[in-house]
N, C-alpha and C. Protein backbone atom coordinates (compact mmCIF):
# COMPACT_ATOMS: atom_id res chain seq x y z
N MET A 1 7.22 61.54 7.35
CA MET A 1 7.67 61.33 7.12
C MET A 1 8.90 61.88 7.13
N VAL A 2 10.23 61.11 6.61
CA VAL A 2 11.72 60.98 6.57
C VAL A 2 12.08 63.19 6.49
N SER A 3 12.85 62.59 7.68
CA SER A 3 13.85 64.61 7.06
C SER A 3 15.19 63.75 6.49
N GLU A 4 15.58 64.57 6.02
CA GLU A 4 17.01 64.81 5.30
C GLU A 4 17.75 64.72 5.98
N VAL A 5 18.88 64.48 6.47
CA VAL A 5 20.05 64.83 7.10
C VAL A 5 20.81 65.61 6.58
N THR A 6 21.28 66.06 6.18
CA THR A 6 22.12 67.38 5.50
C THR A 6 23.91 66.54 6.16
N PRO A 7 24.91 66.78 5.15
CA PRO A 7 26.24 65.82 5.01
C PRO A 7 26.78 66.48 6.73
N PRO A 8 27.33 65.74 6.43
CA PRO A 8 28.49 66.41 8.60
C PRO A 8 29.49 68.05 7.65
N ARG A 9 29.53 68.45 8.52
CA ARG A 9 30.25 69.99 7.81
C ARG A 9 32.02 69.90 8.89
N GLU A 10 33.06 70.14 7.57
CA GLU A 10 34.48 69.72 7.92
C GLU A 10 34.47 70.48 9.37
N ALA A 11 35.14 70.22 9.45
CA ALA A 11 35.66 70.63 10.48
C ALA A 11 36.22 72.60 10.56
N ALA A 12 36.47 72.31 9.85
CA ALA A 12 36.70 74.10 9.25
C ALA A 12 35.56 74.71 9.53
N GLN A 13 34.34 74.40 8.85
CA GLN A 13 33.44 74.51 8.25
C GLN A 13 32.74 75.06 9.89
N ARG A 14 32.62 73.68 10.69
CA ARG A 14 32.33 73.86 11.60
C ARG A 14 32.83 75.15 12.90
N LYS A 15 33.97 75.46 12.86
CA LYS A 15 34.32 76.41 13.58
C LYS A 15 34.67 77.41 12.48
N ARG A 16 34.13 77.54 11.89
CA ARG A 16 33.93 79.24 10.36
C ARG A 16 32.37 79.13 11.24
N ASP A 17 31.05 78.60 11.10
CA ASP A 17 30.04 78.26 12.45
C ASP A 17 29.45 79.03 13.28
N VAL A 18 30.44 78.30 13.97
CA VAL A 18 30.49 78.73 15.51
C VAL A 18 31.06 79.81 15.58
N LEU A 19 32.12 81.07 15.16
CA LEU A 19 32.63 81.59 15.12
C LEU A 19 31.09 83.46 14.98
N ARG A 20 30.70 82.12 13.73
CA ARG A 20 28.94 83.41 13.27
C ARG A 20 28.64 83.59 14.36
N ARG A 21 27.92 82.34 14.90
CA ARG A 21 27.38 82.55 16.04
C ARG A 21 27.92 83.39 17.01
N LEU A 22 28.92 83.12 17.48
CA LEU A 22 29.48 83.90 18.24
C LEU A 22 29.59 85.87 18.19
N ARG A 23 29.68 86.28 16.32
CA ARG A 23 29.50 87.33 17.10
C ARG A 23 28.09 88.22 16.85
N GLU A 24 27.32 87.47 16.07
CA GLU A 24 26.38 87.47 15.69
C GLU A 24 24.85 87.29 17.49
N ASP A 25 24.28 86.02 17.36
CA ASP A 25 23.86 85.49 18.59
C ASP A 25 23.82 86.35 19.68
N VAL A 26 22.62 86.45 19.78
CA VAL A 26 22.39 87.98 21.35
C VAL A 26 22.32 87.54 22.28
N ASP A 27 21.49 85.72 22.73
CA ASP A 27 21.48 84.96 23.88
C ASP A 27 22.39 84.07 23.37
N ALA A 28 22.78 83.26 25.10
CA ALA A 28 23.68 82.01 25.52
C ALA A 28 22.41 81.57 26.57
N TRP A 29 22.60 80.52 26.55
CA TRP A 29 22.28 80.12 27.88
C TRP A 29 23.35 79.53 28.96
N VAL A 30 23.48 80.21 29.69
CA VAL A 30 24.55 79.93 31.39
C VAL A 30 24.00 79.04 32.48
N SER A 31 24.74 77.93 32.48
CA SER A 31 24.43 76.62 32.88
C SER A 31 26.02 77.07 34.38
N THR A 32 24.93 77.41 35.26
CA THR A 32 25.86 76.98 36.67
C THR A 32 25.64 76.21 37.39
N ALA A 33 26.50 76.08 38.82
CA ALA A 33 26.06 75.15 39.39
C ALA A 33 26.62 75.80 41.51
N SER A 34 26.08 75.21 42.08
CA SER A 34 26.74 76.02 43.81
C SER A 34 27.37 75.14 43.94
N PRO A 35 28.36 75.07 44.90
CA PRO A 35 29.36 74.36 45.04
C PRO A 35 28.72 73.16 46.30
N ASP A 36 27.48 73.45 46.31
CA ASP A 36 26.99 71.63 46.71
C ASP A 36 26.25 70.73 45.45
N GLY A 37 26.30 71.41 44.47
CA GLY A 37 25.89 70.54 43.19
C GLY A 37 23.82 71.60 42.58
N VAL A 38 23.50 72.66 43.27
CA VAL A 38 22.70 72.68 43.16
C VAL A 38 22.60 73.40 41.48
N PRO A 39 22.06 73.31 40.99
CA PRO A 39 21.87 73.62 39.01
C PRO A 39 20.81 74.78 39.23
N CYS A 40 21.08 75.82 38.23
CA CYS A 40 20.93 76.64 38.03
C CYS A 40 20.63 76.99 36.57
N LEU A 41 20.10 77.27 35.20
CA LEU A 41 19.81 77.23 34.05
C LEU A 41 18.99 78.57 33.71
N VAL A 42 20.22 79.66 33.19
CA VAL A 42 19.26 80.89 32.56
C VAL A 42 19.50 81.34 31.26
N PRO A 43 18.67 82.17 30.09
CA PRO A 43 19.68 82.73 29.22
C PRO A 43 19.77 84.27 29.66
N LEU A 44 21.11 84.33 29.13
CA LEU A 44 21.50 86.10 28.91
C LEU A 44 21.81 86.70 27.70
N ALA A 45 21.69 87.52 27.49
CA ALA A 45 22.34 88.78 26.42
C ALA A 45 24.08 88.36 26.99
N PHE A 46 25.09 88.20 25.64
CA PHE A 46 26.52 88.28 25.74
C PHE A 46 27.54 88.95 24.46
N LEU A 47 28.45 89.32 25.18
CA LEU A 47 29.12 90.34 23.35
C LEU A 47 30.10 88.93 23.42
N TRP A 48 30.47 88.59 22.09
CA TRP A 48 31.74 87.92 21.94
C TRP A 48 33.26 89.26 21.90
N HIS A 49 34.03 89.47 22.46
CA HIS A 49 35.33 90.00 23.17
C HIS A 49 36.33 89.96 22.90
N GLU A 50 37.07 89.84 21.93
CA GLU A 50 38.62 89.63 22.12
C GLU A 50 38.61 87.60 23.17
N GLY A 51 37.74 87.08 22.53
CA GLY A 51 38.14 84.96 22.73
C GLY A 51 37.15 84.91 24.16
N THR A 52 36.53 86.15 23.88
CA THR A 52 35.63 86.23 25.23
C THR A 52 34.05 85.94 25.21
N LEU A 53 33.53 85.48 26.49
CA LEU A 53 32.53 85.57 25.83
C LEU A 53 31.47 86.91 27.42
N VAL A 54 30.97 87.83 27.13
CA VAL A 54 30.63 88.94 28.70
C VAL A 54 29.29 89.19 28.62
N MET A 55 29.39 88.72 29.97
CA MET A 55 28.19 89.08 30.30
C MET A 55 27.33 89.76 31.29
N THR A 56 26.73 90.03 31.52
CA THR A 56 25.69 90.61 32.56
C THR A 56 24.92 90.37 33.89
N THR A 57 24.55 90.39 34.87
CA THR A 57 23.85 90.23 36.04
C THR A 57 23.98 90.00 37.24
N ARG A 58 22.63 90.58 38.00
CA ARG A 58 22.58 91.48 39.53
C ARG A 58 23.83 90.27 40.18
N ALA A 59 24.68 90.56 40.86
CA ALA A 59 25.82 89.89 41.35
C ALA A 59 25.31 89.35 42.15
N THR A 60 23.42 89.48 42.85
CA THR A 60 23.26 88.65 43.78
C THR A 60 22.39 87.13 43.15
N ASN A 61 22.78 87.04 41.94
CA ASN A 61 22.02 86.09 41.08
C ASN A 61 22.86 85.33 41.41
N PRO A 62 22.14 84.32 41.25
CA PRO A 62 22.60 82.63 41.39
C PRO A 62 23.13 82.45 40.47
N THR A 63 23.37 83.04 39.47
CA THR A 63 24.42 82.65 38.42
C THR A 63 25.89 83.17 38.75
N ALA A 64 25.85 84.71 38.97
CA ALA A 64 27.03 85.05 39.60
C ALA A 64 27.18 84.70 40.93
N VAL A 65 26.90 84.21 42.51
CA VAL A 65 27.15 83.97 43.11
C VAL A 65 27.78 82.31 42.72
N ASN A 66 27.51 81.41 42.00
CA ASN A 66 28.02 80.30 42.02
C ASN A 66 28.66 80.71 41.10
N ALA A 67 29.63 81.51 39.49
CA ALA A 67 30.28 81.60 39.14
C ALA A 67 30.87 82.24 40.19
N ARG A 68 30.92 83.10 40.74
CA ARG A 68 31.94 83.95 42.03
C ARG A 68 32.20 82.30 42.58
N LYS A 69 31.94 81.71 43.30
CA LYS A 69 32.53 80.62 43.93
C LYS A 69 33.02 78.81 43.18
N THR A 70 32.93 79.30 42.20
CA THR A 70 33.06 78.52 41.69
C THR A 70 34.21 77.99 40.17
N GLY A 71 34.04 79.23 39.89
CA GLY A 71 34.76 79.77 38.68
C GLY A 71 34.59 78.79 37.24
N ARG A 72 33.42 78.28 37.05
CA ARG A 72 33.27 77.84 36.35
C ARG A 72 32.07 77.71 35.14
N ALA A 73 31.09 77.61 34.59
CA ALA A 73 30.38 77.26 33.63
C ALA A 73 30.16 76.89 31.99
N THR A 74 29.12 76.13 31.67
CA THR A 74 28.64 75.59 30.26
C THR A 74 28.39 76.33 30.02
N LEU A 75 28.25 77.45 29.05
CA LEU A 75 27.48 77.50 28.12
C LEU A 75 26.91 77.35 26.62
N SER A 76 25.22 77.21 26.14
CA SER A 76 24.90 76.46 25.35
C SER A 76 24.72 78.16 24.10
N LEU A 77 24.62 77.88 22.54
CA LEU A 77 24.28 78.65 21.52
C LEU A 77 23.14 77.15 20.49
N GLY A 78 21.95 78.21 20.19
CA GLY A 78 21.65 77.36 19.13
C GLY A 78 20.15 76.45 19.92
N HIS A 79 20.01 75.56 18.75
CA HIS A 79 18.81 74.62 19.18
C HIS A 79 19.26 73.00 19.53
N THR A 80 18.78 72.25 19.49
CA THR A 80 18.95 70.84 19.72
C THR A 80 19.50 69.74 17.98
N ARG A 81 19.38 70.74 17.25
CA ARG A 81 19.05 70.50 15.50
C ARG A 81 20.80 71.70 15.22
N ASP A 82 22.04 72.21 16.49
CA ASP A 82 22.58 73.04 15.63
C ASP A 82 23.35 73.50 17.66
N VAL A 83 24.08 72.65 17.85
CA VAL A 83 24.25 72.73 19.49
C VAL A 83 25.70 73.35 18.75
N VAL A 84 26.01 74.72 19.44
CA VAL A 84 27.43 74.66 20.15
C VAL A 84 27.65 74.75 22.09
N LEU A 85 27.71 73.62 22.39
CA LEU A 85 28.46 73.33 23.99
C LEU A 85 29.94 74.04 24.21
N ILE A 86 29.79 75.38 24.91
CA ILE A 86 30.91 75.72 25.66
C ILE A 86 31.11 75.53 26.56
N GLU A 87 32.37 75.08 27.63
CA GLU A 87 32.40 74.95 28.67
C GLU A 87 33.94 75.64 29.24
N THR A 88 33.37 76.83 30.10
CA THR A 88 34.18 77.38 30.37
C THR A 88 35.23 77.69 31.69
N GLU A 89 35.59 78.83 31.90
CA GLU A 89 35.98 79.76 33.24
C GLU A 89 35.71 80.61 32.92
N VAL A 90 35.28 81.04 34.56
CA VAL A 90 34.35 82.73 34.59
C VAL A 90 34.88 83.15 35.55
N ASP A 91 34.80 84.35 35.46
CA ASP A 91 35.97 85.11 36.41
C ASP A 91 33.95 86.36 36.63
N VAL A 92 33.97 86.75 37.85
CA VAL A 92 33.01 88.04 38.32
C VAL A 92 34.35 89.09 38.06
N ILE A 93 33.37 90.06 38.18
CA ILE A 93 33.90 91.26 37.35
C ILE A 93 32.80 92.63 37.76
N ALA A 94 33.23 93.18 39.15
CA ALA A 94 32.69 94.35 39.71
C ALA A 94 32.19 95.02 38.72
N ASN A 95 31.44 95.94 38.20
CA ASN A 95 30.49 97.25 36.79
C ASN A 95 31.99 97.54 37.25
N GLU A 96 32.33 98.18 37.99
CA GLU A 96 33.45 99.26 37.82
C GLU A 96 34.63 98.92 36.93
N ALA A 97 34.77 97.37 37.38
CA ALA A 97 36.05 96.94 36.93
C ALA A 97 36.09 96.26 35.75
N VAL A 98 35.11 96.47 35.13
CA VAL A 98 35.42 95.96 33.35
C VAL A 98 36.69 97.10 32.66
N THR A 99 36.60 96.62 31.34
CA THR A 99 37.25 96.99 30.48
C THR A 99 36.13 97.80 29.73
N ALA A 100 36.66 99.35 29.49
CA ALA A 100 35.81 100.26 28.47
C ALA A 100 35.25 99.69 27.51
N ALA A 101 36.88 99.26 26.57
CA ALA A 101 36.40 98.46 25.66
C ALA A 101 35.00 97.02 26.18
N GLU A 102 35.35 96.64 26.53
CA GLU A 102 33.67 95.55 27.02
C GLU A 102 32.77 96.68 27.34
N GLY A 103 32.63 97.05 28.70
CA GLY A 103 31.23 97.93 28.08
C GLY A 103 31.00 98.65 27.68
N ASP A 104 31.61 99.82 26.92
CA ASP A 104 31.01 99.36 25.41
C ASP A 104 30.19 99.15 24.68
N ALA A 105 31.60 98.15 24.15
CA ALA A 105 31.02 97.31 23.08
C ALA A 105 29.62 96.46 23.37
N PHE A 106 29.67 96.26 25.12
CA PHE A 106 28.87 95.13 25.49
C PHE A 106 27.41 96.65 25.08
N ALA A 107 27.86 97.03 25.72
CA ALA A 107 26.45 98.48 25.66
C ALA A 107 25.32 98.57 24.25
N ALA A 108 26.74 98.71 23.06
CA ALA A 108 26.85 99.60 21.74
C ALA A 108 25.55 97.90 21.34
N LYS A 109 26.07 96.54 21.31
CA LYS A 109 25.74 95.64 20.90
C LYS A 109 23.62 95.54 21.76
N HIS A 110 24.09 95.50 22.71
CA HIS A 110 22.73 95.66 23.42
C HIS A 110 21.42 97.04 23.55
N GLN A 111 22.23 97.72 23.13
CA GLN A 111 21.51 99.18 23.79
C GLN A 111 21.01 98.55 25.20
N TRP A 112 21.40 98.40 26.07
CA TRP A 112 21.87 98.66 27.70
C TRP A 112 22.84 98.56 28.36
N ASP A 113 22.94 99.10 29.39
CA ASP A 113 23.93 99.15 30.08
C ASP A 113 24.00 99.36 31.88
N THR A 114 24.47 98.34 32.28
CA THR A 114 24.60 97.83 33.51
C THR A 114 25.63 98.91 34.11
N ARG A 115 26.32 99.43 33.73
CA ARG A 115 27.71 100.42 34.28
C ARG A 115 27.18 101.55 35.43
N GLY A 116 27.80 101.62 36.19
CA GLY A 116 27.09 102.78 37.21
C GLY A 116 26.35 101.96 37.92
N ARG A 117 25.62 100.22 37.63
CA ARG A 117 24.49 99.96 38.77
C ARG A 117 26.23 99.14 39.98
N PRO A 118 25.72 99.23 41.56
CA PRO A 118 27.01 98.31 41.65
C PRO A 118 25.91 97.26 42.60
N GLU A 119 24.91 97.09 42.31
CA GLU A 119 23.94 96.19 42.04
C GLU A 119 24.67 94.69 40.73
N TRP A 120 24.78 95.33 39.93
CA TRP A 120 25.35 94.80 39.01
C TRP A 120 26.50 94.00 38.72
N ALA A 121 26.66 92.84 38.22
CA ALA A 121 28.53 92.48 37.86
C ALA A 121 28.23 92.45 36.50
N PHE A 122 29.76 92.14 36.05
CA PHE A 122 30.02 91.49 34.47
C PHE A 122 30.64 89.94 34.38
N LEU A 123 30.43 89.41 33.76
CA LEU A 123 30.60 88.14 33.42
C LEU A 123 31.68 87.67 32.52
N ARG A 124 33.47 87.26 33.36
CA ARG A 124 33.76 87.02 32.02
C ARG A 124 34.13 85.47 32.01
N PHE A 125 33.79 84.88 30.53
CA PHE A 125 33.14 84.00 30.17
C PHE A 125 34.33 83.15 29.62
N ARG A 126 36.01 82.42 30.29
CA ARG A 126 36.89 82.41 29.09
C ARG A 126 35.88 80.96 28.76
N PRO A 127 36.24 79.84 26.96
CA PRO A 127 36.33 79.03 26.64
C PRO A 127 37.09 78.41 26.81
N VAL A 128 36.95 76.79 27.42
CA VAL A 128 38.28 76.01 27.24
C VAL A 128 38.23 74.64 26.92
N THR A 129 36.34 74.21 26.18
CA THR A 129 36.47 73.29 25.36
C THR A 129 34.93 73.99 24.81
N ILE A 130 34.95 73.58 23.30
CA ILE A 130 33.55 73.89 21.99
C ILE A 130 33.61 72.58 21.31
N ARG A 131 32.64 72.50 21.93
CA ARG A 131 32.15 71.30 21.07
C ARG A 131 30.44 71.96 19.85
N ALA A 132 31.12 72.06 18.79
CA ALA A 132 29.40 71.79 17.94
C ALA A 132 29.15 70.79 16.91
N TRP A 133 27.97 70.78 16.54
CA TRP A 133 27.37 69.48 15.83
C TRP A 133 25.28 69.71 15.90
N ARG A 134 25.10 69.71 14.27
CA ARG A 134 24.19 69.15 14.17
C ARG A 134 22.56 67.88 14.41
N GLU A 135 24.01 67.10 13.67
CA GLU A 135 23.17 65.36 13.73
C GLU A 135 24.26 64.45 14.22
N GLU A 136 23.85 63.73 14.41
CA GLU A 136 24.29 62.31 14.67
C GLU A 136 25.71 62.57 13.84
N ASN A 137 25.20 62.46 12.35
CA ASN A 137 26.74 62.08 12.17
C ASN A 137 27.80 63.35 12.10
N GLU A 138 27.80 64.79 12.85
CA GLU A 138 28.67 65.39 12.86
C GLU A 138 29.02 64.81 14.98
N LEU A 139 28.73 64.36 15.05
CA LEU A 139 29.19 64.42 16.96
C LEU A 139 30.93 62.99 16.98
N ALA A 140 31.22 62.98 15.36
CA ALA A 140 31.99 62.31 15.33
C ALA A 140 33.93 63.25 15.64
N GLY A 141 33.17 64.03 15.02
CA GLY A 141 34.34 65.68 14.75
C GLY A 141 33.81 67.10 15.71
N ARG A 142 32.96 66.76 16.36
CA ARG A 142 32.05 67.61 17.43
C ARG A 142 33.69 68.47 18.04
N HIS A 143 33.95 67.96 18.97
CA HIS A 143 35.61 68.92 19.63
C HIS A 143 35.89 69.85 18.73
N LEU A 144 35.87 70.87 18.75
CA LEU A 144 36.73 72.24 17.69
C LEU A 144 37.92 73.26 18.67
N MET A 145 37.89 73.06 20.41
CA MET A 145 38.19 73.45 21.11
C MET A 145 39.09 72.78 22.22
N LYS A 146 39.96 72.41 23.10
CA LYS A 146 40.08 71.61 23.88
C LYS A 146 41.17 71.80 24.93
N ASP A 147 41.34 72.28 25.84
CA ASP A 147 41.80 72.86 27.20
C ASP A 147 42.68 74.75 26.10
N GLY A 148 41.81 75.64 26.01
CA GLY A 148 41.31 76.91 25.13
C GLY A 148 42.29 77.29 24.23
N VAL A 149 42.55 75.75 23.59
CA VAL A 149 43.34 75.59 22.01
C VAL A 149 42.16 75.26 20.95
N TRP A 150 42.01 75.52 19.66
CA TRP A 150 42.01 75.81 19.02
C TRP A 150 41.83 74.66 18.19
N LEU A 151 41.39 73.58 17.99
CA LEU A 151 41.99 72.26 17.17
C LEU A 151 41.43 72.78 16.14
N VAL A 152 40.86 73.35 15.62
CA VAL A 152 40.80 73.80 13.74
C VAL A 152 41.85 74.83 13.67
């Protein structure tokens, strides 16, 4: 059976779809690498807050350690037929340093709060590049953000 390919979305629609996923999705794949190139890929719960993605993990986990050392990560939402790929700069923030707004919103979204647990840290991911596509017919217009600025 041959599957029908949906027509490509306009860039503005893709941006709306990405922003909806950032608001509504619960988890993202987080890819980091150690300074010597050892990769780490894990799913983490996230919050989209004032243009950044906020997550939490143990401060000693490879994701936090790699992010602290390199300041970079790649995030992915969706599946292979509806990809959102986000290249980011990332800061690792001690639990006591996360803003009340971020911590409260994260806890409300996920019914889970790691504040007050010093072995945990928050990660704040700032998108630098965002690409989104579904099928091959959307590859040409997949870049929606470059250098932290929306292109649409």
